Amino acid sequence: MKSLALKVDVDTYRGTLEGVPRLIDLFGKHGLRATFFFSLGPDTSGKAIKRVFRKGFVKKVLSASPAASYGFRTMLYGTLLPAPDIGGRSETVARMREAAAAGHSVGIHAWDHIDWHDHLPAMSRGRIEDVVAKEHARFREIFGRRAAFQAAPGWTATALSAEVQEAHGIVATSDTRGGEPFFPIRADGMPSKVLEIPSTLPTLDELLAVSLPGAGSQRERICEFLRMKVREGGADRSAGAAPPLHVHSIHTEIEGAVSFHDWFAEQLRGWKSDGVAFLTFEELCRTLLPAQTPALSAREQIVIPVKRLSFTTLPGRATPVAIGVAP
């Protein structure tokens, strides 16, 4: 059986308020569970407007109206309009708690999504520690427990950020793109104990920015492309290797918005008809982490490699993303 983990990135105030309940409803109809990663501090999306409009996906994702997915107010937050405190407002906190109550895994996406995405590589240890401490404290305030999972905005991660996140007790991250799960090398040169679970499939906005071969509409070609990629994940594996797995990142501002909600619903129907099993990050960790599978024999234990973090560029995405490479 093919396995797929849906990673839901929640970047904005509007995405939390409107996109989260829309996706919870859709997942409920299909009887599946996902993992939601929440932005917990100020929504400063307006500061990214120049970067956003350099991306190729804007012509296609937002061709009808720039407000179709993000909204005009979102595009002004942190500049002409005050930045709403996403994790400090009752209406958005309620949506976050609803995701957990519906049985989905929940984790940290960011404190300030734009700040982390644009400035992490230049941040000092002290600044990273301050940001991470704030987001972990806010997560405990909202959910009443420590965060076990974290996914960096824009797949922006460094050896130093991996080291700081580990110090806060994170079990698994999803900070990189492509390849098998691994343990990243920290800034001090030691392997982290935090499992990194990369996103393996292209995102919808990336696919909209490139030309896919095949017949049918763009929507049909994208759906079939993603179905094919997950089907390919079922190849035989060597002894000790991690089981075939795909992780697909979606956004409440895109797949959870009215503009593309039907697209994503069709994608889910396709995967369901293919017999895909949907897993949360909690379920992935029970399978992948040796400490959580003590009953397995030595031959059954999964061997997880150690890799160092680097950056690369991907088709359809203008900014570099973190990847794991051989040390």
Protein backbone atom coordinates (compact mmCIF):
# COMPACT_ATOMS: atom_id res chain seq x y z
CA MET A 1 0.00 0.00 0.00
CA LYS A 2 1.24 3.47 -0.86
CA SER A 3 1.63 5.89 2.06
CA LEU A 4 1.21 9.65 1.93
CA ALA A 5 1.49 12.25 4.68
CA LEU A 6 -0.37 15.51 4.10
CA LYS A 7 1.53 18.44 5.60
CA VAL A 8 -0.69 21.51 5.95
CA ASP A 9 1.24 24.77 6.22
CA VAL A 10 -0.80 27.58 7.76
CA ASP A 11 0.97 30.83 6.90
CA THR A 12 -1.52 33.63 7.55
CA TYR A 13 -4.33 34.94 9.70
CA ARG A 14 -6.85 34.45 6.89
CA GLY A 15 -5.53 30.96 6.17
CA THR A 16 -6.04 30.04 9.82
CA LEU A 17 -9.51 31.54 10.07
CA GLU A 18 -10.94 30.32 6.75
CA GLY A 19 -8.67 27.66 5.26
CA VAL A 20 -8.24 25.48 8.35
CA PRO A 21 -11.95 24.73 8.91
CA ARG A 22 -12.47 24.21 5.17
CA LEU A 23 -9.73 21.56 5.09
CA ILE A 24 -10.88 19.96 8.36
CA ASP A 25 -14.30 19.51 6.76
CA LEU A 26 -12.82 18.05 3.57
CA PHE A 27 -10.57 15.63 5.46
CA GLY A 28 -13.51 14.57 7.62
CA LYS A 29 -15.56 13.70 4.54
CA HIS A 30 -12.74 11.44 3.34
CA GLY A 31 -12.04 9.95 6.77
CA LEU A 32 -8.36 10.92 6.74
CA ARG A 33 -5.98 12.70 9.08
CA ALA A 34 -3.25 15.24 8.27
CA THR A 35 -0.66 17.29 10.15
CA PHE A 36 -1.26 21.03 10.53
CA PHE A 37 1.69 23.37 11.09
CA PHE A 38 0.61 26.74 12.47
CA SER A 39 2.13 30.22 12.30
CA LEU A 40 1.74 31.46 15.88
CA GLY A 41 2.86 35.09 15.92
CA PRO A 42 2.32 38.19 13.75
CA ASP A 43 1.09 37.90 10.16
CA THR A 44 3.49 40.23 8.33
CA SER A 45 2.65 38.94 4.85
CA GLY A 46 2.71 42.45 3.42
CA LYS A 47 6.49 42.54 3.83
CA ALA A 48 6.81 39.74 1.27
CA ILE A 49 4.74 41.36 -1.45
CA LYS A 50 7.72 42.13 -3.71
CA ARG A 51 9.08 38.60 -3.34
CA VAL A 52 5.70 37.03 -3.92
CA PHE A 53 5.09 38.95 -7.12
CA ARG A 54 8.43 37.81 -8.57
CA LYS A 55 7.27 34.21 -8.42
CA GLY A 56 6.05 32.58 -11.60
CA PHE A 57 3.05 31.05 -9.89
CA VAL A 58 1.41 34.44 -9.40
CA LYS A 59 0.42 34.63 -13.06
CA LYS A 60 -1.43 31.35 -12.72
CA VAL A 61 -2.40 30.93 -9.07
CA LEU A 62 -3.56 34.51 -8.67
CA SER A 63 -4.34 35.36 -12.29
CA ALA A 64 -8.01 36.07 -11.66
CA SER A 65 -7.32 38.34 -8.71
CA PRO A 66 -4.34 38.79 -6.39
CA ALA A 67 -6.84 38.44 -3.55
CA ALA A 68 -8.12 35.07 -4.78
CA SER A 69 -6.03 33.07 -2.31
CA TYR A 70 -4.38 35.52 0.06
CA GLY A 71 -6.73 38.51 0.11
CA PHE A 72 -5.90 42.19 -0.26
CA ARG A 73 -5.81 42.78 3.50
CA THR A 74 -3.26 39.97 3.93
CA MET A 75 -1.05 41.65 1.33
CA LEU A 76 -0.97 44.78 3.50
CA TYR A 77 -0.40 43.19 6.93
CA GLY A 78 2.78 44.41 8.56
CA THR A 79 3.05 47.42 6.23
CA LEU A 80 -0.01 49.62 5.66
CA LEU A 81 -2.12 47.54 8.05
CA PRO A 82 -1.14 46.27 11.53
CA ALA A 83 0.02 42.66 11.63
CA PRO A 84 -2.61 40.51 13.39
CA ASP A 85 -1.26 38.25 16.13
CA ILE A 86 -2.46 34.90 14.77
CA GLY A 87 -1.87 32.84 17.90
CA GLY A 88 -3.07 35.59 20.23
CA ARG A 89 -6.60 36.02 18.86
CA SER A 90 -9.47 33.90 20.10
CA GLU A 91 -11.03 33.29 16.70
CA THR A 92 -7.85 31.82 15.19
CA VAL A 93 -6.87 29.91 18.32
CA ALA A 94 -10.29 28.23 18.15
CA ARG A 95 -9.56 27.05 14.61
CA MET A 96 -6.20 25.61 15.70
CA ARG A 97 -7.78 23.69 18.55
CA GLU A 98 -10.48 22.39 16.22
CA ALA A 99 -7.80 20.74 14.09
CA ALA A 100 -6.37 18.93 17.10
CA ALA A 101 -9.85 17.98 18.35
CA ALA A 102 -10.63 16.44 14.94
CA GLY A 103 -7.71 14.04 15.40
CA HIS A 104 -5.11 15.74 13.27
CA SER A 105 -1.49 16.10 14.36
CA VAL A 106 -0.45 19.69 15.07
CA GLY A 107 2.91 21.40 15.10
CA ILE A 108 4.78 24.69 14.77
CA HIS A 109 5.26 26.41 11.43
CA ALA A 110 6.67 29.74 12.57
CA TRP A 111 6.47 32.70 14.87
CA ASP A 112 6.72 35.27 12.06
CA HIS A 113 6.59 33.34 8.78
CA ILE A 114 8.12 36.09 6.64
CA ASP A 115 10.91 36.93 9.09
CA TRP A 116 12.11 33.31 9.34
CA HIS A 117 11.86 32.65 5.61
CA ASP A 118 13.71 35.80 4.59
CA HIS A 119 16.30 36.19 7.35
CA LEU A 120 17.15 32.84 8.96
CA PRO A 121 20.56 32.29 7.30
CA ALA A 122 21.76 35.64 8.70
CA MET A 123 20.25 35.20 12.18
CA SER A 124 22.51 34.88 15.21
CA ARG A 125 22.12 32.01 17.63
CA GLY A 126 20.60 34.37 20.17
CA ARG A 127 17.97 35.60 17.74
CA ILE A 128 17.06 32.07 16.63
CA GLU A 129 16.78 30.96 20.25
CA ASP A 130 14.51 33.92 21.02
CA VAL A 131 12.19 33.17 18.07
CA VAL A 132 12.02 29.44 18.80
CA ALA A 133 11.37 30.04 22.51
CA LYS A 134 8.44 32.34 21.68
CA GLU A 135 6.80 29.91 19.29
CA HIS A 136 7.16 26.98 21.68
CA ALA A 137 5.73 28.98 24.56
CA ARG A 138 2.77 30.03 22.40
CA PHE A 139 2.17 26.43 21.28
CA ARG A 140 2.02 25.25 24.92
CA GLU A 141 -0.36 28.10 25.71
CA ILE A 142 -2.73 27.07 22.90
CA PHE A 143 -2.57 23.28 23.09
CA GLY A 144 -1.54 22.66 26.70
CA ARG A 145 1.42 20.48 25.76
CA ARG A 146 4.88 20.66 24.26
CA ALA A 147 5.25 20.73 20.49
CA ALA A 148 6.58 17.51 18.97
CA PHE A 149 6.64 18.60 15.31
CA GLN A 150 7.91 21.62 13.41
CA ALA A 151 8.05 22.60 9.72
CA ALA A 152 10.08 25.61 8.62
CA PRO A 153 8.53 28.33 6.41
CA GLY A 154 9.60 27.95 2.80
CA TRP A 155 11.78 24.97 3.75
CA THR A 156 14.33 27.38 5.21
CA ALA A 157 16.57 25.61 7.71
CA THR A 158 20.20 25.61 8.80
CA ALA A 159 22.41 23.48 11.00
CA LEU A 160 22.01 26.11 13.71
CA SER A 161 18.21 26.18 13.55
CA ALA A 162 18.18 22.36 13.71
CA GLU A 163 20.34 22.49 16.84
CA VAL A 164 18.10 25.05 18.55
CA GLN A 165 14.90 23.16 17.72
CA GLU A 166 16.36 19.97 19.20
CA ALA A 167 17.06 21.76 22.46
CA HIS A 168 13.31 22.45 22.76
CA GLY A 169 12.37 18.77 22.56
CA ILE A 170 11.10 18.55 18.98
CA VAL A 171 10.67 14.92 17.83
CA ALA A 172 10.49 15.46 14.07
CA THR A 173 10.80 18.32 11.60
CA SER A 174 9.82 18.76 7.97
CA ASP A 175 12.22 21.50 6.95
CA THR A 176 13.63 20.14 3.68
CA ARG A 177 12.67 18.97 0.21
CA GLY A 178 13.18 15.60 -1.44
CA GLY A 179 14.62 12.27 -0.46
CA GLU A 180 14.34 9.93 2.48
CA PRO A 181 13.99 10.81 6.17
CA PHE A 182 17.31 11.58 7.87
CA PHE A 183 18.99 13.02 10.93
CA PRO A 184 20.53 16.45 10.13
CA ILE A 185 23.99 17.44 11.29
CA ARG A 186 23.81 20.25 13.85
CA ALA A 187 25.96 23.37 13.94
CA ASP A 188 28.25 21.67 16.48
CA GLY A 189 28.94 18.89 13.97
CA MET A 190 26.96 16.22 15.80
CA PRO A 191 23.97 14.35 14.33
CA SER A 192 20.66 15.65 15.62
CA LYS A 193 18.29 13.30 17.42
CA VAL A 194 15.40 15.04 15.66
CA LEU A 195 14.07 13.14 12.65
CA GLU A 196 13.83 15.19 9.47
CA ILE A 197 10.96 14.12 7.18
CA PRO A 198 11.32 15.94 3.82
CA SER A 199 8.46 17.03 1.59
CA THR A 200 8.82 14.84 -1.49
CA LEU A 201 6.20 16.10 -3.94
CA PRO A 202 6.04 19.41 -5.83
CA THR A 203 3.49 21.86 -4.42
CA LEU A 204 0.48 23.05 -6.39
CA ASP A 205 1.89 26.55 -6.89
CA GLU A 206 5.13 25.03 -8.26
CA LEU A 207 3.25 22.79 -10.68
CA LEU A 208 1.14 25.71 -11.87
CA ALA A 209 4.33 27.56 -12.78
CA VAL A 210 5.68 24.83 -15.07
CA SER A 211 4.35 23.05 -18.15
CA LEU A 212 3.43 19.42 -17.63
CA PRO A 213 3.18 17.03 -20.61
CA GLY A 214 0.08 15.01 -21.37
CA ALA A 215 -3.48 15.41 -22.52
CA GLY A 216 -6.36 17.09 -20.75
CA SER A 217 -6.69 20.33 -18.85
CA GLN A 218 -3.99 21.73 -16.61
CA ARG A 219 -5.99 20.58 -13.62
CA GLU A 220 -6.20 17.02 -14.97
CA ARG A 221 -2.48 16.92 -15.81
CA ILE A 222 -1.48 18.10 -12.35
CA CYS A 223 -3.77 15.59 -10.66
CA GLU A 224 -2.44 12.71 -12.73
CA PHE A 225 1.18 13.83 -12.20
CA LEU A 226 0.80 13.76 -8.40
CA ARG A 227 -1.03 10.43 -8.49
CA MET A 228 1.76 8.95 -10.60
CA LYS A 229 4.43 10.21 -8.20
CA VAL A 230 2.73 8.53 -5.23
CA ARG A 231 2.26 5.29 -7.18
CA GLU A 232 6.00 5.29 -7.92
CA GLY A 233 6.67 5.43 -4.17
CA GLY A 234 5.68 1.78 -3.84
CA ALA A 235 8.87 0.32 -5.31
CA ASP A 236 10.74 -2.45 -3.49
CA ARG A 237 13.19 -1.30 -0.84
CA SER A 238 16.39 -2.77 0.54
CA ALA A 239 16.56 -4.34 4.00
CA GLY A 240 16.71 -1.72 6.73
CA ALA A 241 15.61 1.16 4.50
CA ALA A 242 12.67 3.33 5.43
CA PRO A 243 9.33 2.21 3.93
CA PRO A 244 8.18 3.96 0.73
CA LEU A 245 6.76 7.31 1.73
CA HIS A 246 5.64 10.56 0.19
CA VAL A 247 4.99 13.84 1.99
CA HIS A 248 2.88 16.47 0.23
CA SER A 249 2.82 20.07 1.45
CA ILE A 250 -0.37 22.05 0.94
CA HIS A 251 -1.33 25.54 2.10
CA THR A 252 -4.50 26.80 3.69
CA GLU A 253 -4.09 29.91 1.53
CA ILE A 254 -4.18 27.84 -1.69
CA GLU A 255 -5.73 24.37 -1.34
CA GLY A 256 -7.77 25.62 1.60
CA ALA A 257 -9.02 28.69 -0.29
CA VAL A 258 -12.21 28.75 -2.35
CA SER A 259 -10.22 29.25 -5.57
CA PHE A 260 -8.46 25.87 -5.45
CA HIS A 261 -10.47 23.86 -2.94
CA ASP A 262 -12.22 21.85 -5.66
CA TRP A 263 -8.89 21.10 -7.30
CA PHE A 264 -7.57 19.61 -4.10
CA ALA A 265 -10.80 17.69 -3.43
CA GLU A 266 -10.38 16.06 -6.84
CA GLN A 267 -6.78 15.22 -5.99
CA LEU A 268 -7.86 13.50 -2.78
CA ARG A 269 -10.47 11.47 -4.64
CA GLY A 270 -7.78 10.32 -7.06
CA TRP A 271 -5.43 9.23 -4.31
CA LYS A 272 -8.24 7.50 -2.45
CA SER A 273 -9.18 5.54 -5.59
CA ASP A 274 -5.51 4.49 -5.85
CA GLY A 275 -5.70 2.97 -2.37
CA VAL A 276 -3.35 5.49 -0.76
CA ALA A 277 -3.04 5.34 3.05
CA PHE A 278 -2.87 8.78 4.69
CA LEU A 279 -0.59 9.08 7.72
CA THR A 280 0.00 11.79 10.30
CA PHE A 281 3.46 12.73 11.51
CA GLU A 282 2.71 10.94 14.77
CA GLU A 283 2.10 7.73 12.83
CA LEU A 284 5.23 8.27 10.73
CA CYS A 285 7.38 8.65 13.83
CA ARG A 286 6.03 5.46 15.39
CA THR A 287 7.18 3.66 12.23
CA LEU A 288 10.49 5.41 11.63
CA LEU A 289 12.02 6.10 15.04
CA PRO A 290 13.75 3.05 16.59
CA ALA A 291 13.10 4.28 20.13
CA GLN A 292 9.38 4.09 19.45
CA THR A 293 9.48 0.57 17.98
CA PRO A 294 11.27 -1.49 20.69
CA ALA A 295 9.48 -4.70 19.73
CA LEU A 296 11.25 -4.87 16.35
CA SER A 297 14.21 -7.17 15.91
CA ALA A 298 17.60 -5.83 14.86
CA ARG A 299 16.92 -6.92 11.27
CA GLU A 300 13.60 -5.07 11.26
CA GLN A 301 14.97 -1.81 12.63
CA ILE A 302 15.00 1.01 10.10
CA VAL A 303 18.39 2.50 9.30
CA ILE A 304 18.06 6.28 9.03
CA PRO A 305 20.99 8.14 7.41
CA VAL A 306 22.72 11.26 8.69
CA LYS A 307 22.94 14.21 6.27
CA ARG A 308 24.06 17.80 6.31
CA LEU A 309 21.75 20.65 5.39
CA SER A 310 22.31 22.59 2.19
CA PHE A 311 20.22 24.70 -0.21
CA THR A 312 19.08 24.25 -3.79
CA THR A 313 16.53 25.69 -6.21
CA LEU A 314 13.49 23.87 -7.59
CA PRO A 315 11.45 24.33 -10.78
CA GLY A 316 8.57 26.72 -10.19
CA ARG A 317 10.00 28.11 -6.93
CA ALA A 318 11.99 31.34 -6.93
CA THR A 319 13.69 31.07 -3.53
CA PRO A 320 16.14 28.33 -2.46
CA VAL A 321 14.97 25.46 -0.27
CA ALA A 322 16.85 23.31 2.23
CA ILE A 323 17.81 19.76 1.30
CA GLY A 324 19.76 16.95 2.93
CA VAL A 325 23.03 15.92 1.27
CA ALA A 326 25.67 13.32 2.07
CA PRO A 327 28.10 14.57 4.76
